[in-house]
Amino acid sequence: MTGEWREVTVGDIAAPMRNALVGGPFGSNLVTHDYVPSGVPVIRGQNMGARWIAGDFAFVSDSKAKSLGANIARPGDIVFTQRGTLGQVSLVPEGAYERYLVSQSQMKLTVNRELADSVFLYYAFSTGEQQDYIRQNAIQTGVPHINLGILRGTPVPLPPLPEQRAIAHILGTLDDKIELNRRMNETLESMARALFKSWFVDFDPVRAKAEGRDPGLPKPLADLFPTRLVDSELGEIPEGWEVGALGNGLVDLEVGGRPKGGVSGYNEGVPSIGAESIVGLGIFAYSKTKYVPREFFEGMTRGHVRSGDVLLYKDGGRPGEFEPHVTLVGDGFPFQTCVINEHVYRLRAKAILGQSFLFFWLSSDVVMEEMRIKGTGVAVPGLNSTQVKSLTTLFPSREVVRAFSVIVDRWVARVLASCNESRTLAALRDALLPRLISGELRLEDPNRILAEVESTAPNRPQPVRTARMT
């Protein structure tokens, strides 16, 4: 360490109070039967894994929480996984709940705030070095786990408190922006799905016109919708629209491939997108990316990917189960040049269907369920090309699809661009994290950084450029 940095243990920085460092209750003191619909939230493994404790909570009554008062966590506390996914660490957030109950598989630390900043410690425990320490010192008997003794003796680098807070601010600002992007993307995607459902599932504009009501759209747009519904194999649909199969000459379907012997030996080349990478709109698990040699890519006659392509995970999973995944490639996709492997279909719409309509139709509840049914019940669950082409598809008028695309394509572009920005920010955070936490990268004037932070409105993220590093 350099300067005033020192190494302490977790026990050294625990608050001088009873139960500052404590595990969850004894097994029989908290069982499933204790859970109630609302009350005091219980922190379980599924609520860990991100910076803040979050997700779907189980709850216990107020009286049950009081009886387990030693196991209560409050805002600002740090929670560690004791058994399960070792190395997980999360912070208890402000505002959501006044108190939480720690489950049997977690431990919590209340920090001595005169010595340490809990957000800094969260980032310290997120480094690879600290994660390795936890795993290497875990008790391997039975299910690998740690205990309070191991956690209490875990070493932690500790700079002066102002520098801790400045480091936490820099890294937290990056994470704040990533979180803001995620929420914005959720909103934009929800807006797009709501519009799709209104126009192409519930047929709201048509029903309004049929009942003599104002459809709530500009007149040129409202005029594109028919004035009545007619029967079809999907039930009632707008007059003039049709129902057919996806493969009725209106989509180009292609599957990818891989080199002989697979892709396990390649760490560079052209990215090859597999099922594990397809998560959702704009969400791409690029850390799991595999590669094919460039010469193999240049010899491929199919499977190339370009902006606007819809990708469908076509097979795999446990016997008797199939869960399709769909994504849309755009300018925010992490790779400019890539291919798909043999487990993925690439779909390009022709004529009436647009790519946005195709994506939202394939990922709609009704079509997802149709794909699950068709892809389940076989030894290797999945969809062959004939089954994909046979998927029931609504064919609206070309003018309505075009109007939908004009509106939604802007939202989708923002989602993809935002995801791309978040990937860049995450890479910057991951590069800064070990250097800041170890003291390799020092802040020139942490007190000035903190003064600037305190002079701004609460919770307003500050640009990283406020921090000067040496």
Protein backbone atom coordinates (compact mmCIF):
# COMPACT_ATOMS: atom_id res chain seq x y z
CA MET A 1 0.00 0.00 0.00
CA THR A 2 1.07 3.59 -0.53
CA GLY A 3 0.71 6.73 1.56
CA GLU A 4 -1.79 6.44 4.38
CA TRP A 5 -3.32 3.23 3.15
CA ARG A 6 -3.39 0.32 5.56
CA GLU A 7 -4.71 -3.21 5.68
CA VAL A 8 -7.35 -4.08 8.26
CA THR A 9 -9.74 -6.96 8.82
CA VAL A 10 -13.51 -6.92 8.58
CA GLY A 11 -13.62 -7.30 12.36
CA ASP A 12 -11.58 -4.09 12.73
CA ILE A 13 -14.14 -1.98 10.87
CA ALA A 14 -17.33 -3.43 12.33
CA ALA A 15 -19.42 -0.88 14.24
CA PRO A 16 -18.84 -0.83 18.03
CA MET A 17 -22.28 -2.27 18.76
CA ARG A 18 -23.88 -5.59 19.48
CA ASN A 19 -24.59 -7.79 16.41
CA ALA A 20 -22.63 -5.53 14.05
CA LEU A 21 -21.32 -8.68 12.35
CA VAL A 22 -23.85 -11.49 12.45
CA GLY A 23 -25.18 -14.41 10.43
CA GLY A 24 -28.72 -15.47 9.79
CA PRO A 25 -31.00 -17.16 12.35
CA PHE A 26 -30.66 -20.78 13.36
CA GLY A 27 -32.37 -23.00 10.80
CA SER A 28 -35.47 -23.92 12.80
CA ASN A 29 -36.03 -20.30 13.80
CA LEU A 30 -36.91 -19.27 10.25
CA VAL A 31 -38.83 -21.68 8.03
CA THR A 32 -41.07 -21.33 5.00
CA HIS A 33 -44.12 -21.48 7.24
CA ASP A 34 -43.06 -18.12 8.74
CA TYR A 35 -43.47 -16.30 5.43
CA VAL A 36 -46.42 -13.93 5.04
CA PRO A 37 -47.68 -11.81 2.09
CA SER A 38 -46.18 -8.56 3.43
CA GLY A 39 -44.19 -7.25 6.34
CA VAL A 40 -40.42 -7.26 6.91
CA PRO A 41 -38.51 -8.49 3.81
CA VAL A 42 -36.14 -11.44 4.11
CA ILE A 43 -32.79 -11.23 2.29
CA ARG A 44 -32.22 -14.53 0.48
CA GLY A 45 -29.75 -15.60 -2.19
CA GLN A 46 -32.04 -14.48 -5.00
CA ASN A 47 -31.96 -10.93 -3.61
CA MET A 48 -28.16 -10.82 -3.86
CA GLY A 49 -25.86 -10.51 -6.85
CA ALA A 50 -26.14 -6.80 -7.61
CA ARG A 51 -24.98 -3.64 -5.89
CA TRP A 52 -28.25 -3.21 -4.00
CA ILE A 53 -30.42 -5.81 -2.31
CA ALA A 54 -33.46 -6.15 -4.60
CA GLY A 55 -35.84 -8.53 -6.34
CA ASP A 56 -38.81 -10.55 -5.16
CA PHE A 57 -38.79 -10.79 -1.39
CA ALA A 58 -40.30 -13.21 1.04
CA PHE A 59 -41.70 -11.48 4.14
CA VAL A 60 -42.16 -12.21 7.82
CA SER A 61 -44.48 -10.54 10.29
CA ASP A 62 -43.33 -7.67 12.47
CA SER A 63 -43.52 -9.86 15.56
CA LYS A 64 -41.37 -12.55 13.91
CA ALA A 65 -38.78 -9.95 12.90
CA LYS A 66 -38.69 -8.61 16.46
CA SER A 67 -38.08 -12.12 17.81
CA LEU A 68 -35.06 -12.35 15.46
CA GLY A 69 -33.80 -8.85 16.19
CA ALA A 70 -30.15 -9.95 16.24
CA ASN A 71 -30.42 -10.87 12.55
CA ILE A 72 -31.79 -7.56 11.30
CA ALA A 73 -30.03 -5.57 8.55
CA ARG A 74 -30.66 -1.88 7.97
CA PRO A 75 -29.87 0.61 5.18
CA GLY A 76 -26.13 1.00 4.73
CA ASP A 77 -25.32 -2.49 5.96
CA ILE A 78 -23.36 -4.94 3.77
CA VAL A 79 -24.68 -8.46 3.20
CA PHE A 80 -22.45 -11.42 2.28
CA THR A 81 -23.42 -14.87 1.03
CA GLN A 82 -22.44 -17.51 3.58
CA ARG A 83 -23.31 -20.57 1.50
CA GLY A 84 -24.41 -20.91 -2.09
CA THR A 85 -22.82 -18.51 -4.56
CA LEU A 86 -19.76 -17.60 -2.51
CA GLY A 87 -18.37 -14.14 -3.08
CA GLN A 88 -21.74 -12.44 -3.51
CA VAL A 89 -21.96 -9.12 -1.71
CA SER A 90 -24.68 -6.47 -1.77
CA LEU A 91 -25.65 -3.27 0.01
CA VAL A 92 -28.89 -2.66 1.87
CA PRO A 93 -30.47 0.35 0.11
CA GLU A 94 -32.01 3.46 1.60
CA GLY A 95 -35.69 4.17 1.21
CA ALA A 96 -37.25 0.86 0.27
CA TYR A 97 -37.65 -0.65 3.76
CA GLU A 98 -36.50 0.41 7.22
CA ARG A 99 -35.20 -3.06 8.09
CA TYR A 100 -34.62 -6.47 6.59
CA LEU A 101 -34.21 -9.94 8.06
CA VAL A 102 -31.08 -11.83 6.99
CA SER A 103 -31.74 -15.45 5.98
CA GLN A 104 -29.73 -18.48 7.16
CA SER A 105 -27.49 -18.34 4.08
CA GLN A 106 -26.35 -14.72 4.53
CA MET A 107 -24.28 -12.63 6.93
CA LYS A 108 -24.45 -8.88 7.48
CA LEU A 109 -21.93 -6.25 8.52
CA THR A 110 -22.78 -2.91 10.07
CA VAL A 111 -19.77 -0.69 9.38
CA ASN A 112 -18.10 1.70 11.80
CA ARG A 113 -18.74 4.84 9.77
CA GLU A 114 -15.92 6.73 11.47
CA LEU A 115 -13.48 4.28 9.91
CA ALA A 116 -15.00 2.98 6.70
CA ASP A 117 -17.50 3.74 3.95
CA SER A 118 -19.87 0.86 3.20
CA VAL A 119 -20.06 1.61 -0.53
CA PHE A 120 -16.27 1.57 -0.76
CA LEU A 121 -16.25 -1.79 1.04
CA TYR A 122 -18.85 -3.15 -1.38
CA TYR A 123 -16.50 -2.35 -4.26
CA ALA A 124 -13.51 -3.70 -2.34
CA PHE A 125 -15.30 -7.03 -1.93
CA SER A 126 -16.24 -6.99 -5.62
CA THR A 127 -12.63 -7.20 -6.80
CA GLY A 128 -11.30 -10.46 -8.17
CA GLU A 129 -8.63 -10.57 -5.46
CA GLN A 130 -11.18 -10.34 -2.68
CA GLN A 131 -13.50 -12.85 -4.37
CA ASP A 132 -10.60 -15.31 -4.68
CA TYR A 133 -9.76 -14.90 -1.00
CA ILE A 134 -13.30 -15.81 0.03
CA ARG A 135 -13.41 -18.89 -2.18
CA GLN A 136 -9.93 -20.08 -1.23
CA ASN A 137 -10.68 -19.79 2.50
CA ALA A 138 -14.12 -21.38 2.32
CA ILE A 139 -14.85 -24.52 4.32
CA GLN A 140 -15.11 -27.34 1.81
CA THR A 141 -16.86 -29.87 4.02
CA GLY A 142 -20.32 -30.54 2.58
CA VAL A 143 -21.61 -27.47 0.75
CA PRO A 144 -18.73 -24.96 0.46
CA HIS A 145 -19.35 -22.11 2.88
CA ILE A 146 -17.77 -19.46 5.04
CA ASN A 147 -18.58 -18.47 8.61
CA LEU A 148 -18.38 -15.39 10.79
CA GLY A 149 -14.85 -16.26 11.87
CA ILE A 150 -13.59 -16.35 8.27
CA LEU A 151 -15.39 -13.14 7.39
CA ARG A 152 -14.21 -11.38 10.56
CA GLY A 153 -10.59 -12.18 9.73
CA THR A 154 -10.80 -11.27 6.04
CA PRO A 155 -8.22 -8.56 5.17
CA VAL A 156 -9.43 -5.37 3.48
CA PRO A 157 -7.39 -2.46 2.04
CA LEU A 158 -8.38 0.78 3.76
CA PRO A 159 -7.38 4.25 2.54
CA PRO A 160 -8.27 7.40 4.50
CA LEU A 161 -12.02 7.94 4.77
CA PRO A 162 -12.20 10.88 2.29
CA GLU A 163 -10.42 8.78 -0.33
CA GLN A 164 -12.76 5.83 0.37
CA ARG A 165 -15.76 8.06 -0.25
CA ALA A 166 -14.25 9.58 -3.39
CA ILE A 167 -13.49 6.12 -4.82
CA ALA A 168 -17.01 4.99 -3.95
CA HIS A 169 -18.38 8.08 -5.69
CA ILE A 170 -16.42 7.48 -8.89
CA LEU A 171 -17.36 3.82 -9.18
CA GLY A 172 -20.90 4.47 -7.95
CA THR A 173 -21.44 7.16 -10.57
CA LEU A 174 -20.64 4.66 -13.30
CA ASP A 175 -23.02 2.12 -11.78
CA ASP A 176 -25.70 4.80 -11.32
CA LYS A 177 -25.58 5.59 -15.03
CA ILE A 178 -25.72 1.90 -15.94
CA GLU A 179 -28.75 1.49 -13.68
CA LEU A 180 -30.39 4.60 -15.16
CA ASN A 181 -29.89 3.16 -18.65
CA ARG A 182 -31.41 -0.15 -17.56
CA ARG A 183 -34.51 1.55 -16.18
CA MET A 184 -34.89 3.73 -19.26
CA ASN A 185 -34.59 0.66 -21.47
CA GLU A 186 -37.24 -1.16 -19.46
CA THR A 187 -39.55 1.83 -19.92
CA LEU A 188 -38.92 2.09 -23.66
CA GLU A 189 -39.39 -1.63 -24.22
CA SER A 190 -42.58 -1.58 -22.13
CA MET A 191 -43.87 1.31 -24.24
CA ALA A 192 -43.11 -0.60 -27.45
CA ARG A 193 -44.78 -3.78 -26.19
CA ALA A 194 -47.82 -1.83 -24.97
CA LEU A 195 -48.21 -0.20 -28.38
CA PHE A 196 -47.79 -3.54 -30.14
CA LYS A 197 -50.42 -5.14 -27.89
CA SER A 198 -52.83 -2.26 -28.37
CA TRP A 199 -52.59 -2.32 -32.16
CA PHE A 200 -51.98 -5.97 -33.01
CA VAL A 201 -53.41 -8.02 -30.12
CA ASP A 202 -56.27 -6.03 -28.59
CA PHE A 203 -56.99 -4.04 -31.80
CA ASP A 204 -57.91 -0.97 -29.74
CA PRO A 205 -58.01 1.54 -32.63
CA VAL A 206 -60.31 -0.74 -34.66
CA ARG A 207 -62.62 -1.45 -31.72
CA ALA A 208 -62.86 2.27 -30.99
CA LYS A 209 -63.80 3.07 -34.59
CA ALA A 210 -66.29 0.20 -34.71
CA GLU A 211 -68.00 1.58 -31.60
CA GLY A 212 -67.98 5.16 -32.88
CA ARG A 213 -65.34 6.28 -30.36
CA ASP A 214 -62.27 8.42 -30.95
CA PRO A 215 -59.29 6.00 -31.24
CA GLY A 216 -57.02 8.65 -29.70
CA LEU A 217 -54.67 8.81 -32.70
CA PRO A 218 -53.87 11.59 -35.19
CA LYS A 219 -56.42 11.38 -38.03
CA PRO A 220 -53.91 10.28 -40.73
CA LEU A 221 -52.84 7.43 -38.47
CA ALA A 222 -56.37 6.53 -37.34
CA ASP A 223 -57.47 6.36 -40.98
CA LEU A 224 -55.04 3.46 -41.57
CA PHE A 225 -57.10 1.17 -39.32
CA PRO A 226 -60.26 -0.63 -40.50
CA THR A 227 -63.64 0.15 -38.97
CA ARG A 228 -64.70 -3.37 -38.01
CA LEU A 229 -63.49 -6.81 -36.92
CA VAL A 230 -64.04 -10.09 -38.75
CA ASP A 231 -63.67 -13.74 -37.75
CA SER A 232 -60.42 -15.66 -38.33
CA GLU A 233 -58.54 -18.66 -36.94
CA LEU A 234 -57.04 -16.28 -34.36
CA GLY A 235 -60.48 -15.04 -33.41
CA GLU A 236 -61.62 -11.57 -34.40
CA ILE A 237 -59.10 -9.54 -36.40
CA PRO A 238 -59.37 -6.22 -38.27
CA GLU A 239 -61.05 -6.42 -41.66
CA GLY A 240 -58.54 -6.70 -44.47
CA TRP A 241 -55.80 -8.13 -42.26
CA GLU A 242 -54.85 -11.76 -42.70
CA VAL A 243 -53.66 -14.74 -40.67
CA GLY A 244 -51.13 -17.18 -42.09
CA ALA A 245 -47.88 -18.99 -41.42
CA LEU A 246 -44.60 -17.16 -40.87
CA GLY A 247 -42.98 -19.02 -43.75
CA ASN A 248 -45.49 -18.02 -46.41
CA GLY A 249 -42.79 -16.32 -48.46
CA LEU A 250 -42.57 -13.45 -46.00
CA VAL A 251 -39.45 -14.29 -44.03
CA ASP A 252 -35.93 -15.45 -44.83
CA LEU A 253 -34.87 -18.12 -42.31
CA GLU A 254 -31.27 -19.23 -41.94
CA VAL A 255 -29.23 -21.21 -39.42
CA GLY A 256 -25.54 -20.86 -38.69
CA GLY A 257 -22.71 -23.33 -38.29
CA ARG A 258 -19.36 -23.95 -36.63
CA PRO A 259 -15.94 -25.32 -37.57
CA LYS A 260 -15.13 -29.02 -37.36
CA GLY A 261 -14.22 -29.82 -33.80
CA GLY A 262 -16.26 -26.91 -32.42
CA VAL A 263 -15.18 -23.50 -31.18
CA SER A 264 -13.66 -24.30 -27.78
CA GLY A 265 -10.11 -23.78 -28.97
CA TYR A 266 -10.62 -20.26 -30.33
CA ASN A 267 -10.22 -17.15 -28.17
CA GLU A 268 -10.25 -14.68 -31.01
CA GLY A 269 -11.51 -14.31 -34.55
CA VAL A 270 -15.12 -13.55 -35.53
CA PRO A 271 -17.71 -13.69 -32.72
CA SER A 272 -20.15 -16.59 -33.02
CA ILE A 273 -23.50 -16.00 -31.33
CA GLY A 274 -25.02 -18.97 -29.53
CA ALA A 275 -28.06 -19.53 -27.38
CA GLU A 276 -26.24 -18.52 -24.20
CA SER A 277 -25.71 -15.01 -25.60
CA ILE A 278 -29.36 -14.31 -26.50
CA VAL A 279 -31.00 -12.76 -23.45
CA GLY A 280 -33.43 -10.07 -24.60
CA LEU A 281 -33.78 -6.79 -26.45
CA GLY A 282 -30.39 -5.12 -26.32
CA ILE A 283 -29.18 -7.48 -23.60
CA PHE A 284 -26.33 -9.61 -24.84
CA ALA A 285 -24.22 -11.88 -22.64
CA TYR A 286 -21.04 -11.03 -24.52
CA SER A 287 -18.84 -12.41 -21.75
CA LYS A 288 -19.91 -15.86 -22.97
CA THR A 289 -19.00 -15.14 -26.59
CA LYS A 290 -17.25 -17.85 -28.58
CA TYR A 291 -15.31 -17.33 -31.80
CA VAL A 292 -14.72 -18.88 -35.20
CA PRO A 293 -11.52 -18.41 -37.24
CA ARG A 294 -11.72 -15.57 -39.75
CA GLU A 295 -10.95 -17.94 -42.60
CA PHE A 296 -13.92 -20.09 -41.58
CA PHE A 297 -16.11 -16.97 -41.45
CA GLU A 298 -14.98 -15.85 -44.90
CA GLY A 299 -15.87 -19.27 -46.29
CA MET A 300 -19.36 -19.30 -44.76
CA THR A 301 -22.21 -18.92 -47.20
CA ARG A 302 -24.85 -18.47 -44.51
CA GLY A 303 -25.21 -17.37 -40.90
CA HIS A 304 -23.85 -13.84 -41.27
CA VAL A 305 -25.54 -11.23 -39.08
CA ARG A 306 -26.32 -7.61 -39.85
CA SER A 307 -28.16 -4.75 -38.16
CA GLY A 308 -31.91 -5.36 -38.00
CA ASP A 309 -31.72 -9.17 -37.91
CA VAL A 310 -33.99 -11.07 -35.53
CA LEU A 311 -32.24 -13.98 -33.81
CA LEU A 312 -34.13 -16.97 -32.39
CA TYR A 313 -32.61 -19.63 -30.13
CA LYS A 314 -33.86 -22.79 -31.79
CA ASP A 315 -32.97 -25.81 -29.64
CA GLY A 316 -31.41 -27.12 -26.47
CA GLY A 317 -32.34 -27.27 -22.81
CA ARG A 318 -33.46 -30.11 -20.61
CA PRO A 319 -35.39 -33.03 -22.14
CA GLY A 320 -39.07 -32.26 -22.40
CA GLU A 321 -38.61 -28.52 -21.94
CA PHE A 322 -38.03 -25.67 -24.38
CA GLU A 323 -37.76 -21.98 -23.62
CA PRO A 324 -37.27 -19.85 -26.75
CA HIS A 325 -35.23 -16.65 -26.65
CA VAL A 326 -35.47 -13.83 -29.19
CA THR A 327 -33.35 -10.74 -29.72
CA LEU A 328 -32.99 -7.98 -32.29
CA VAL A 329 -29.60 -6.91 -33.62
CA GLY A 330 -29.01 -3.19 -34.07
CA ASP A 331 -26.36 -0.49 -34.05
CA GLY A 332 -25.89 -0.98 -30.31
CA PHE A 333 -24.94 -4.63 -30.75
CA PRO A 334 -21.45 -5.28 -29.34
CA PHE A 335 -20.03 -6.65 -32.59
CA GLN A 336 -20.06 -5.11 -36.05
CA THR A 337 -19.13 -8.42 -37.66
CA CYS A 338 -20.48 -11.70 -36.27
CA VAL A 339 -22.17 -14.96 -37.19
CA ILE A 340 -24.66 -17.34 -35.58
CA ASN A 341 -23.95 -20.92 -34.64
CA GLU A 342 -25.98 -24.04 -35.36
CA HIS A 343 -28.37 -23.42 -32.44
CA VAL A 344 -29.65 -20.06 -33.69
CA TYR A 345 -31.97 -18.99 -36.51
CA ARG A 346 -31.57 -15.66 -38.24
CA LEU A 347 -34.83 -14.16 -39.53
CA ARG A 348 -35.21 -11.34 -42.03
CA ALA A 349 -38.70 -10.13 -42.87
CA LYS A 350 -39.83 -9.61 -46.44
CA ALA A 351 -42.63 -7.54 -47.96
CA ILE A 352 -45.33 -6.73 -45.36
CA LEU A 353 -43.52 -7.63 -42.14
CA GLY A 354 -40.92 -5.26 -40.72
CA GLN A 355 -38.12 -6.33 -38.40
CA SER A 356 -39.59 -4.54 -35.37
CA PHE A 357 -43.00 -6.10 -35.97
CA LEU A 358 -41.35 -9.50 -36.45
CA PHE A 359 -39.40 -9.20 -33.19
CA PHE A 360 -42.37 -8.11 -31.08
CA TRP A 361 -44.65 -10.70 -32.71
CA LEU A 362 -42.21 -13.57 -32.06
CA SER A 363 -41.66 -12.41 -28.47
CA SER A 364 -45.37 -11.88 -27.75
CA ASP A 365 -47.04 -14.15 -25.21
CA VAL A 366 -49.18 -16.00 -27.75
CA VAL A 367 -46.30 -16.87 -30.10
CA MET A 368 -43.87 -17.70 -27.28
CA GLU A 369 -46.40 -20.20 -25.97
CA GLU A 370 -46.87 -21.68 -29.44
CA MET A 371 -43.09 -22.13 -29.72
CA ARG A 372 -42.90 -23.76 -26.28
CA ILE A 373 -45.59 -26.25 -27.23
CA LYS A 374 -44.01 -27.10 -30.58
CA GLY A 375 -40.49 -27.36 -29.16
CA THR A 376 -41.33 -29.48 -26.10
CA GLY A 377 -41.91 -33.20 -25.71
CA VAL A 378 -39.01 -34.43 -27.83
CA ALA A 379 -35.67 -35.95 -26.81
CA VAL A 380 -33.82 -32.79 -27.87
CA PRO A 381 -36.25 -29.91 -27.27
CA GLY A 382 -36.33 -27.20 -29.89
CA LEU A 383 -37.76 -26.03 -33.19
CA ASN A 384 -36.87 -27.21 -36.65
CA SER A 385 -37.16 -24.86 -39.60
CA THR A 386 -40.53 -26.29 -40.66
CA GLN A 387 -41.97 -25.60 -37.22
CA VAL A 388 -40.66 -22.03 -37.20
CA LYS A 389 -42.14 -21.38 -40.63
CA SER A 390 -45.46 -22.80 -39.49
CA LEU A 391 -45.83 -20.34 -36.59
CA THR A 392 -49.17 -18.56 -36.74
CA THR A 393 -48.68 -14.98 -37.87
CA LEU A 394 -50.91 -11.95 -38.18
CA PHE A 395 -50.42 -9.95 -41.38
CA PRO A 396 -51.68 -6.37 -40.86
CA SER A 397 -51.80 -3.87 -43.66
CA ARG A 398 -48.42 -2.70 -44.85
CA GLU A 399 -49.29 0.89 -43.98
CA VAL A 400 -50.04 0.07 -40.32
CA VAL A 401 -46.83 -1.97 -39.96
CA ARG A 402 -44.87 0.90 -41.46
CA ALA A 403 -46.47 3.38 -39.04
CA PHE A 404 -45.67 1.07 -36.11
CA SER A 405 -42.05 0.79 -37.25
CA VAL A 406 -41.66 4.57 -37.58
CA ILE A 407 -42.66 4.98 -33.94
CA VAL A 408 -41.00 1.94 -32.38
CA ASP A 409 -37.73 1.87 -34.33
CA ARG A 410 -36.66 5.08 -32.57
CA TRP A 411 -37.28 3.50 -29.17
CA VAL A 412 -35.48 0.31 -30.12
CA ALA A 413 -32.50 2.33 -31.42
CA ARG A 414 -32.31 4.17 -28.09
CA VAL A 415 -32.41 0.87 -26.18
CA LEU A 416 -29.60 -0.61 -28.25
CA ALA A 417 -27.48 2.55 -28.03
CA SER A 418 -28.04 2.69 -24.28
CA CYS A 419 -26.98 -0.94 -23.89
CA ASN A 420 -23.84 -0.19 -25.86
CA GLU A 421 -23.09 2.78 -23.60
CA SER A 422 -23.64 0.63 -20.51
CA ARG A 423 -21.19 -1.97 -21.80
CA THR A 424 -18.58 0.78 -22.22
CA LEU A 425 -19.25 2.13 -18.74
CA ALA A 426 -19.07 -1.35 -17.21
CA ALA A 427 -15.74 -1.96 -18.93
CA LEU A 428 -14.41 1.33 -17.56
CA ARG A 429 -15.67 0.48 -14.06
CA ASP A 430 -14.10 -2.98 -14.21
CA ALA A 431 -10.80 -1.50 -15.35
CA LEU A 432 -10.76 1.17 -12.61
CA LEU A 433 -12.03 -1.06 -9.80
CA PRO A 434 -8.91 -3.09 -8.97
CA ARG A 435 -6.55 -0.16 -9.52
CA LEU A 436 -8.52 2.21 -7.28
CA ILE A 437 -9.15 -0.35 -4.55
CA SER A 438 -5.50 -1.45 -4.42
CA GLY A 439 -4.12 2.08 -4.38
CA GLU A 440 -2.30 1.60 -7.68
CA LEU A 441 -4.34 4.52 -9.03
CA ARG A 442 -4.47 7.39 -6.51
CA LEU A 443 -6.88 10.32 -6.37
CA GLU A 444 -5.07 13.62 -6.41
CA ASP A 445 -7.54 15.58 -4.26
CA PRO A 446 -10.32 13.42 -2.76
CA ASN A 447 -11.52 16.22 -0.45
CA ARG A 448 -12.18 18.49 -3.41
CA ILE A 449 -14.09 15.72 -5.16
CA LEU A 450 -16.26 15.23 -2.08
CA ALA A 451 -16.85 18.98 -1.73
CA GLU A 452 -18.11 19.12 -5.31
CA VAL A 453 -20.37 16.13 -4.69
CA GLU A 454 -21.85 17.64 -1.52
CA SER A 455 -22.53 20.96 -3.28
CA THR A 456 -24.83 19.30 -5.81
CA ALA A 457 -28.42 18.16 -5.46
CA PRO A 458 -28.92 14.85 -3.59
CA ASN A 459 -28.62 11.68 -5.69
CA ARG A 460 -27.46 13.59 -8.75
CA PRO A 461 -24.67 11.61 -10.42
CA GLN A 462 -21.52 13.59 -11.14
CA PRO A 463 -19.36 13.08 -14.20
CA VAL A 464 -16.24 11.00 -13.72
CA ARG A 465 -14.10 13.89 -14.96
CA THR A 466 -14.44 15.58 -11.55
CA ALA A 467 -11.88 13.08 -10.27
CA ARG A 468 -8.23 13.69 -11.05
CA MET A 469 -6.12 10.57 -10.82
CA THR A 470 -2.41 9.96 -10.76
